[in-house]
Structures are given as structure tokens and as C-alpha cells.
């Protein structure tokens, strides 16, 4: 009887391991800046595309310092739309 509960615990640990590699994939997704590139289509908002590009290059570390800066940038994009 006690052996049965022990078996399910092993698979659970394995599932947690794959979750860790998935997290590093998110920072690699900075390629998402491709969407902001579409915004440049509007000649009236050429400065906005430049900002997202800088944040997209290294959003992992700058997130802490540029945290407050990134917040205002997000609302600015929807306003242009």
C-alpha cells in the first residue's frame, strides 16, 4: 500500500524539472519586438519603435532598473493605436 503513493511522487518531480527549462525560454522570446516594428508604419510615431527595441534586446536585467520606465512605455503604445 505505501509503495503505491511513492510511485506517483517520482513522476511529479520529473514534471517540475521540465518547468525550469521553460522559464529560460521566456527571456529568449525577446524576439517578440517584431510586433513593435509594425508600429513604425505610422510616421508620426517613429520614436516609440526605438524604445521597445532597446528594452527587447535585454529585458532580463534592465527590467529592474527600467521597470518604471517600461511601465509608461506600454501605455504609450496603445495610445498611438
PDB file of N, CA and C in Angstrom:
ATOM      1  N   UNK A   1       0.838  -1.219   0.000  1.00  0.00           N
ATOM      2  CA  UNK A   1       0.000   0.000   0.000  1.00  0.00           C
ATOM      3  C   UNK A   1       0.871   1.267   0.000  1.00  0.00           C
ATOM      4  N   UNK A   2       1.841   1.341   0.920  1.00  0.00           N
ATOM      5  CA  UNK A   2       2.661   2.588   0.971  1.00  0.00           C
ATOM      6  C   UNK A   2       3.497   2.768  -0.290  1.00  0.00           C
ATOM      7  N   UNK A   3       3.777   1.652  -0.984  1.00  0.00           N
ATOM      8  CA  UNK A   3       4.603   1.756  -2.201  1.00  0.00           C
ATOM      9  C   UNK A   3       3.830   2.493  -3.304  1.00  0.00           C
ATOM     10  N   UNK A   4       2.515   2.362  -3.323  1.00  0.00           N
ATOM     11  CA  UNK A   4       1.704   2.998  -4.378  1.00  0.00           C
ATOM     12  C   UNK A   4       1.876   4.521  -4.363  1.00  0.00           C
ATOM     13  N   UNK A   5       1.713   5.191  -3.208  1.00  0.00           N
ATOM     14  CA  UNK A   5       1.859   6.661  -3.169  1.00  0.00           C
ATOM     15  C   UNK A   5       3.275   7.107  -3.542  1.00  0.00           C
ATOM     16  N   UNK A   6       4.263   6.278  -3.265  1.00  0.00           N
ATOM     17  CA  UNK A   6       5.652   6.657  -3.571  1.00  0.00           C
ATOM     18  C   UNK A   6       5.865   6.741  -5.083  1.00  0.00           C
ATOM     19  N   UNK A   7       5.229   5.870  -5.824  1.00  0.00           N
ATOM     20  CA  UNK A   7       5.403   5.866  -7.288  1.00  0.00           C
ATOM     21  C   UNK A   7       4.932   7.181  -7.920  1.00  0.00           C
ATOM     22  N   UNK A   8       3.736   7.676  -7.601  1.00  0.00           N
ATOM     23  CA  UNK A   8       3.247   8.936  -8.203  1.00  0.00           C
ATOM     24  C   UNK A   8       4.138  10.126  -7.844  1.00  0.00           C
ATOM     25  N   UNK A   9       4.795  10.083  -6.702  1.00  0.00           N
ATOM     26  CA  UNK A   9       5.642  11.212  -6.291  1.00  0.00           C
ATOM     27  C   UNK A   9       6.828  11.366  -7.256  1.00  0.00           C
ATOM     28  N   UNK A  10       7.378  10.255  -7.720  1.00  0.00           N
ATOM     29  CA  UNK A  10       8.531  10.330  -8.637  1.00  0.00           C
ATOM     30  C   UNK A  10       8.173  11.077  -9.924  1.00  0.00           C
ATOM     31  N   UNK A  11       7.102  10.709 -10.609  1.00  0.00           N
ATOM     32  CA  UNK A  11       6.723  11.422 -11.851  1.00  0.00           C
ATOM     33  C   UNK A  11       6.478  12.905 -11.599  1.00  0.00           C
ATOM     34  N   UNK A  12       5.942  13.249 -10.453  1.00  0.00           N
ATOM     35  CA  UNK A  12       5.665  14.662 -10.149  1.00  0.00           C
ATOM     36  C   UNK A  12       6.967  15.458 -10.146  1.00  0.00           C
ATOM     37  N   UNK A  13       8.012  14.884  -9.571  1.00  0.00           N
ATOM     38  CA  UNK A  13       9.307  15.577  -9.528  1.00  0.00           C
ATOM     39  C   UNK A  13       9.838  15.797 -10.939  1.00  0.00           C
ATOM     40  N   UNK A  14       9.653  14.811 -11.793  1.00  0.00           N
ATOM     41  CA  UNK A  14      10.145  14.930 -13.176  1.00  0.00           C
ATOM     42  C   UNK A  14       9.435  16.077 -13.892  1.00  0.00           C
ATOM     43  N   UNK A  15       8.146  16.236 -13.650  1.00  0.00           N
ATOM     44  CA  UNK A  15       7.389  17.306 -14.320  1.00  0.00           C
ATOM     45  C   UNK A  15       7.911  18.673 -13.879  1.00  0.00           C
ATOM     46  N   UNK A  16       8.315  18.784 -12.626  1.00  0.00           N
ATOM     47  CA  UNK A  16       8.808  20.075 -12.132  1.00  0.00           C
ATOM     48  C   UNK A  16      10.120  20.450 -12.825  1.00  0.00           C
ATOM     49  N   UNK A  17      10.938  19.466 -13.145  1.00  0.00           N
ATOM     50  CA  UNK A  17      12.235  19.740 -13.796  1.00  0.00           C
ATOM     51  C   UNK A  17      12.046  20.399 -15.164  1.00  0.00           C
ATOM     52  N   UNK A  18      11.183  19.859 -16.023  1.00  0.00           N
ATOM     53  CA  UNK A  18      10.957  20.485 -17.337  1.00  0.00           C
ATOM     54  C   UNK A  18      10.444  21.912 -17.212  1.00  0.00           C
ATOM     55  N   UNK A  19       9.758  22.236 -16.147  1.00  0.00           N
ATOM     56  CA  UNK A  19       9.220  23.594 -15.977  1.00  0.00           C
ATOM     57  C   UNK A  19      10.368  24.603 -15.877  1.00  0.00           C
ATOM     58  N   UNK A  20      11.479  24.211 -15.288  1.00  0.00           N
ATOM     59  CA  UNK A  20      12.620  25.132 -15.147  1.00  0.00           C
ATOM     60  C   UNK A  20      13.173  25.559 -16.507  1.00  0.00           C
ATOM     61  N   UNK A  21      13.424  24.620 -17.417  1.00  0.00           N
ATOM     62  CA  UNK A  21      13.933  24.994 -18.749  1.00  0.00           C
ATOM     63  C   UNK A  21      12.959  25.895 -19.499  1.00  0.00           C
ATOM     64  N   UNK A  22      11.672  25.776 -19.221  1.00  0.00           N
ATOM     65  CA  UNK A  22      10.674  26.601 -19.926  1.00  0.00           C
ATOM     66  C   UNK A  22      10.868  28.079 -19.550  1.00  0.00           C
ATOM     67  N   UNK A  23      11.238  28.354 -18.306  1.00  0.00           N
ATOM     68  CA  UNK A  23      11.408  29.748 -17.877  1.00  0.00           C
ATOM     69  C   UNK A  23      12.494  30.451 -18.695  1.00  0.00           C
ATOM     70  N   UNK A  24      13.669  29.850 -18.851  1.00  0.00           N
ATOM     71  CA  UNK A  24      14.731  30.482 -19.658  1.00  0.00           C
ATOM     72  C   UNK A  24      14.263  30.772 -21.081  1.00  0.00           C
ATOM     73  N   UNK A  25      13.321  30.013 -21.563  1.00  0.00           N
ATOM     74  CA  UNK A  25      12.827  30.230 -22.931  1.00  0.00           C
ATOM     75  C   UNK A  25      12.138  31.593 -23.017  1.00  0.00           C
ATOM     76  N   UNK A  26      11.458  32.019 -21.951  1.00  0.00           N
ATOM     77  CA  UNK A  26      10.746  33.302 -21.980  1.00  0.00           C
ATOM     78  C   UNK A  26      11.702  34.462 -22.287  1.00  0.00           C
ATOM     79  N   UNK A  27      12.820  34.588 -21.557  1.00  0.00           N
ATOM     80  CA  UNK A  27      13.784  35.665 -21.839  1.00  0.00           C
ATOM     81  C   UNK A  27      14.290  35.595 -23.271  1.00  0.00           C
ATOM     82  N   UNK A  28      14.348  34.411 -23.827  1.00  0.00           N
ATOM     83  CA  UNK A  28      14.824  34.274 -25.211  1.00  0.00           C
ATOM     84  C   UNK A  28      13.759  34.777 -26.187  1.00  0.00           C
ATOM     85  N   UNK A  29      12.511  34.825 -25.732  1.00  0.00           N
ATOM     86  CA  UNK A  29      11.398  35.283 -26.594  1.00  0.00           C
ATOM     87  C   UNK A  29      11.469  36.788 -26.868  1.00  0.00           C
ATOM     88  N   UNK A  30      12.467  37.521 -26.327  1.00  0.00           N
ATOM     89  CA  UNK A  30      12.577  38.954 -26.654  1.00  0.00           C
ATOM     90  C   UNK A  30      12.399  39.228 -28.135  1.00  0.00           C
ATOM     91  N   UNK A  31      12.438  38.198 -28.945  1.00  0.00           N
ATOM     92  CA  UNK A  31      12.229  38.391 -30.390  1.00  0.00           C
ATOM     93  C   UNK A  31      10.835  38.968 -30.639  1.00  0.00           C
ATOM     94  N   UNK A  32       9.958  38.916 -29.633  1.00  0.00           N
ATOM     95  CA  UNK A  32       8.599  39.479 -29.777  1.00  0.00           C
ATOM     96  C   UNK A  32       8.639  40.935 -30.239  1.00  0.00           C
ATOM     97  N   UNK A  33       9.735  41.686 -29.996  1.00  0.00           N
ATOM     98  CA  UNK A  33       9.825  43.061 -30.527  1.00  0.00           C
ATOM     99  C   UNK A  33       9.417  43.167 -31.990  1.00  0.00           C
ATOM    100  N   UNK A  34       9.256  42.046 -32.658  1.00  0.00           N
ATOM    101  CA  UNK A  34       8.836  42.084 -34.072  1.00  0.00           C
ATOM    102  C   UNK A  34       7.499  42.813 -34.184  1.00  0.00           C
ATOM    103  N   UNK A  35       6.626  42.668 -33.184  1.00  0.00           N
ATOM    104  CA  UNK A  35       5.323  43.346 -33.239  1.00  0.00           C
ATOM    105  C   UNK A  35       5.497  44.871 -33.221  1.00  0.00           C
ATOM    106  N   UNK A  36       6.308  45.405 -32.292  1.00  0.00           N
ATOM    107  CA  UNK A  36       6.556  46.861 -32.266  1.00  0.00           C
ATOM    108  C   UNK A  36       7.055  47.389 -33.602  1.00  0.00           C
ATOM    109  N   UNK A  37       7.771  46.572 -34.348  1.00  0.00           N
ATOM    110  CA  UNK A  37       8.293  47.039 -35.637  1.00  0.00           C
ATOM    111  C   UNK A  37       7.132  47.412 -36.557  1.00  0.00           C
ATOM    112  N   UNK A  38       5.977  46.784 -36.361  1.00  0.00           N
ATOM    113  CA  UNK A  38       4.824  47.118 -37.202  1.00  0.00           C
ATOM    114  C   UNK A  38       4.337  48.540 -36.884  1.00  0.00           C
ATOM    115  N   UNK A  39       4.488  48.974 -35.644  1.00  0.00           N
ATOM    116  CA  UNK A  39       4.049  50.319 -35.259  1.00  0.00           C
ATOM    117  C   UNK A  39       4.751  51.400 -36.089  1.00  0.00           C
ATOM    118  N   UNK A  40       6.047  51.223 -36.384  1.00  0.00           N
ATOM    119  CA  UNK A  40       6.771  52.220 -37.191  1.00  0.00           C
ATOM    120  C   UNK A  40       6.023  52.584 -38.472  1.00  0.00           C
ATOM    121  N   UNK A  41       5.077  51.760 -38.870  1.00  0.00           N
ATOM    122  CA  UNK A  41       4.299  52.068 -40.079  1.00  0.00           C
ATOM    123  C   UNK A  41       3.753  53.489 -39.966  1.00  0.00           C
ATOM    124  N   UNK A  42       3.458  53.928 -38.734  1.00  0.00           N
ATOM    125  CA  UNK A  42       2.946  55.296 -38.566  1.00  0.00           C
ATOM    126  C   UNK A  42       4.134  56.256 -38.492  1.00  0.00           C
ATOM    127  N   UNK A  43       4.301  57.140 -39.460  1.00  0.00           N
ATOM    128  CA  UNK A  43       5.435  58.082 -39.458  1.00  0.00           C
ATOM    129  C   UNK A  43       5.348  59.060 -38.293  1.00  0.00           C
ATOM    130  N   UNK A  44       4.175  59.192 -37.690  1.00  0.00           N
ATOM    131  CA  UNK A  44       4.002  60.138 -36.583  1.00  0.00           C
ATOM    132  C   UNK A  44       4.554  59.551 -35.288  1.00  0.00           C
ATOM    133  N   UNK A  45       4.809  58.247 -35.245  1.00  0.00           N
ATOM    134  CA  UNK A  45       5.303  57.628 -34.007  1.00  0.00           C
ATOM    135  C   UNK A  45       6.590  56.860 -34.264  1.00  0.00           C
ATOM    136  N   UNK A  46       7.616  57.503 -34.866  1.00  0.00           N
ATOM    137  CA  UNK A  46       8.879  56.817 -35.139  1.00  0.00           C
ATOM    138  C   UNK A  46       9.735  56.653 -33.885  1.00  0.00           C
ATOM    139  N   UNK A  47       9.509  57.466 -32.852  1.00  0.00           N
ATOM    140  CA  UNK A  47      10.333  57.398 -31.635  1.00  0.00           C
ATOM    141  C   UNK A  47       9.931  56.189 -30.789  1.00  0.00           C
ATOM    142  N   UNK A  48       8.658  55.823 -30.804  1.00  0.00           N
ATOM    143  CA  UNK A  48       8.200  54.691 -29.988  1.00  0.00           C
ATOM    144  C   UNK A  48       8.901  53.393 -30.385  1.00  0.00           C
ATOM    145  N   UNK A  49       9.011  53.068 -31.665  1.00  0.00           N
ATOM    146  CA  UNK A  49       9.673  51.818 -32.074  1.00  0.00           C
ATOM    147  C   UNK A  49      11.091  51.711 -31.531  1.00  0.00           C
ATOM    148  N   UNK A  50      11.797  52.833 -31.432  1.00  0.00           N
ATOM    149  CA  UNK A  50      13.184  52.780 -30.955  1.00  0.00           C
ATOM    150  C   UNK A  50      13.238  52.349 -29.488  1.00  0.00           C
ATOM    151  N   UNK A  51      12.333  52.837 -28.675  1.00  0.00           N
ATOM    152  CA  UNK A  51      12.342  52.479 -27.254  1.00  0.00           C
ATOM    153  C   UNK A  51      12.124  50.978 -27.059  1.00  0.00           C
ATOM    154  N   UNK A  52      11.078  50.391 -27.661  1.00  0.00           N
ATOM    155  CA  UNK A  52      10.825  48.948 -27.497  1.00  0.00           C
ATOM    156  C   UNK A  52      12.023  48.105 -27.945  1.00  0.00           C
ATOM    157  N   UNK A  53      12.742  48.558 -28.943  1.00  0.00           N
ATOM    158  CA  UNK A  53      13.895  47.790 -29.437  1.00  0.00           C
ATOM    159  C   UNK A  53      14.953  47.676 -28.346  1.00  0.00           C
ATOM    160  N   UNK A  54      15.227  48.761 -27.636  1.00  0.00           N
ATOM    161  CA  UNK A  54      16.249  48.737 -26.576  1.00  0.00           C
ATOM    162  C   UNK A  54      15.815  47.800 -25.452  1.00  0.00           C
ATOM    163  N   UNK A  55      14.543  47.893 -25.049  1.00  0.00           N
ATOM    164  CA  UNK A  55      14.061  47.035 -23.968  1.00  0.00           C
ATOM    165  C   UNK A  55      14.048  45.576 -24.416  1.00  0.00           C
ATOM    166  N   UNK A  56      13.757  45.323 -25.680  1.00  0.00           N
ATOM    167  CA  UNK A  56      13.687  43.946 -26.174  1.00  0.00           C
ATOM    168  C   UNK A  56      15.053  43.281 -26.222  1.00  0.00           C
ATOM    169  N   UNK A  57      16.109  44.073 -26.411  1.00  0.00           N
ATOM    170  CA  UNK A  57      17.451  43.494 -26.519  1.00  0.00           C
ATOM    171  C   UNK A  57      17.856  42.828 -25.205  1.00  0.00           C
ATOM    172  N   UNK A  58      17.592  43.469 -24.089  1.00  0.00           N
ATOM    173  CA  UNK A  58      17.982  42.881 -22.793  1.00  0.00           C
ATOM    174  C   UNK A  58      16.943  43.212 -21.728  1.00  0.00           C
ATOM    175  N   UNK A  59      15.727  42.678 -21.862  1.00  0.00           N
ATOM    176  CA  UNK A  59      14.671  42.954 -20.879  1.00  0.00           C
ATOM    177  C   UNK A  59      14.866  42.166 -19.591  1.00  0.00           C
ATOM    178  N   UNK A  60      15.869  41.284 -19.551  1.00  0.00           N
ATOM    179  CA  UNK A  60      16.066  40.456 -18.360  1.00  0.00           C
ATOM    180  C   UNK A  60      16.651  41.291 -17.218  1.00  0.00           C
ATOM    181  N   UNK A  61      17.827  41.919 -17.432  1.00  0.00           N
ATOM    182  CA  UNK A  61      18.466  42.709 -16.370  1.00  0.00           C
ATOM    183  C   UNK A  61      17.852  44.101 -16.253  1.00  0.00           C
ATOM    184  N   UNK A  62      17.717  44.822 -17.358  1.00  0.00           N
ATOM    185  CA  UNK A  62      17.166  46.184 -17.324  1.00  0.00           C
ATOM    186  C   UNK A  62      15.777  46.238 -16.707  1.00  0.00           C
ATOM    187  N   UNK A  63      15.085  45.117 -16.679  1.00  0.00           N
ATOM    188  CA  UNK A  63      13.721  45.116 -16.132  1.00  0.00           C
ATOM    189  C   UNK A  63      13.720  45.749 -14.743  1.00  0.00           C
ATOM    190  N   UNK A  64      14.760  45.476 -13.948  1.00  0.00           N
ATOM    191  CA  UNK A  64      14.798  46.027 -12.588  1.00  0.00           C
ATOM    192  C   UNK A  64      14.983  47.545 -12.630  1.00  0.00           C
ATOM    193  N   UNK A  65      15.959  48.002 -13.404  1.00  0.00           N
ATOM    194  CA  UNK A  65      16.237  49.441 -13.472  1.00  0.00           C
ATOM    195  C   UNK A  65      15.190  50.156 -14.327  1.00  0.00           C
ATOM    196  N   UNK A  66      14.905  49.565 -15.498  1.00  0.00           N
ATOM    197  CA  UNK A  66      13.945  50.192 -16.409  1.00  0.00           C
ATOM    198  C   UNK A  66      12.512  49.797 -16.060  1.00  0.00           C
ATOM    199  N   UNK A  67      12.333  49.093 -14.933  1.00  0.00           N
ATOM    200  CA  UNK A  67      10.974  48.678 -14.539  1.00  0.00           C
ATOM    201  C   UNK A  67       9.988  49.823 -14.659  1.00  0.00           C
ATOM    202  N   UNK A  68      10.217  50.922 -13.944  1.00  0.00           N
ATOM    203  CA  UNK A  68       9.295  52.074 -14.004  1.00  0.00           C
ATOM    204  C   UNK A  68       9.237  52.686 -15.393  1.00  0.00           C
ATOM    205  N   UNK A  69      10.348  52.643 -16.110  1.00  0.00           N
ATOM    206  CA  UNK A  69      10.373  53.239 -17.456  1.00  0.00           C
ATOM    207  C   UNK A  69       9.549  52.404 -18.427  1.00  0.00           C
ATOM    208  N   UNK A  70       9.617  51.078 -18.257  1.00  0.00           N
ATOM    209  CA  UNK A  70       8.884  50.197 -19.176  1.00  0.00           C
ATOM    210  C   UNK A  70       7.375  50.375 -18.990  1.00  0.00           C
ATOM    211  N   UNK A  71       6.954  50.643 -17.758  1.00  0.00           N
ATOM    212  CA  UNK A  71       5.511  50.788 -17.492  1.00  0.00           C
ATOM    213  C   UNK A  71       4.912  51.916 -18.327  1.00  0.00           C
ATOM    214  N   UNK A  72       5.508  53.115 -18.299  1.00  0.00           N
ATOM    215  CA  UNK A  72       4.961  54.222 -19.104  1.00  0.00           C
ATOM    216  C   UNK A  72       5.033  53.943 -20.599  1.00  0.00           C
ATOM    217  N   UNK A  73       6.022  53.176 -21.029  1.00  0.00           N
ATOM    218  CA  UNK A  73       6.168  52.889 -22.469  1.00  0.00           C
ATOM    219  C   UNK A  73       4.999  52.039 -22.959  1.00  0.00           C
ATOM    220  N   UNK A  74       4.541  51.101 -22.130  1.00  0.00           N
ATOM    221  CA  UNK A  74       3.436  50.218 -22.546  1.00  0.00           C
ATOM    222  C   UNK A  74       2.173  51.022 -22.843  1.00  0.00           C
ATOM    223  N   UNK A  75       1.746  51.905 -21.924  1.00  0.00           N
ATOM    224  CA  UNK A  75       0.541  52.706 -22.190  1.00  0.00           C
ATOM    225  C   UNK A  75       0.715  53.616 -23.399  1.00  0.00           C
ATOM    226  N   UNK A  76       1.939  54.017 -23.679  1.00  0.00           N
ATOM    227  CA  UNK A  76       2.162  54.921 -24.820  1.00  0.00           C
ATOM    228  C   UNK A  76       1.849  54.218 -26.142  1.00  0.00           C
ATOM    229  N   UNK A  77       2.163  52.931 -26.230  1.00  0.00           N
ATOM    230  CA  UNK A  77       1.917  52.193 -27.485  1.00  0.00           C
ATOM    231  C   UNK A  77       0.429  52.141 -27.806  1.00  0.00           C
ATOM    232  N   UNK A  78      -0.420  51.714 -26.822  1.00  0.00           N
ATOM    233  CA  UNK A  78      -1.865  51.663 -27.099  1.00  0.00           C
ATOM    234  C   UNK A  78      -2.411  53.035 -27.487  1.00  0.00           C
ATOM    235  N   UNK A  79      -1.885  54.096 -26.898  1.00  0.00           N
ATOM    236  CA  UNK A  79      -2.377  55.448 -27.213  1.00  0.00           C
ATOM    237  C   UNK A  79      -2.175  55.744 -28.694  1.00  0.00           C
ATOM    238  N   UNK A  80      -1.013  55.293 -29.219  1.00  0.00           N
ATOM    239  CA  UNK A  80      -0.735  55.555 -30.636  1.00  0.00           C
ATOM    240  C   UNK A  80      -1.744  54.811 -31.511  1.00  0.00           C
ATOM    241  N   UNK A  81      -2.110  53.601 -31.083  1.00  0.00           N
ATOM    242  CA  UNK A  81      -3.059  52.814 -31.876  1.00  0.00           C
ATOM    243  C   UNK A  81      -4.395  53.555 -31.908  1.00  0.00           C
TER     244      UNK A  81
END
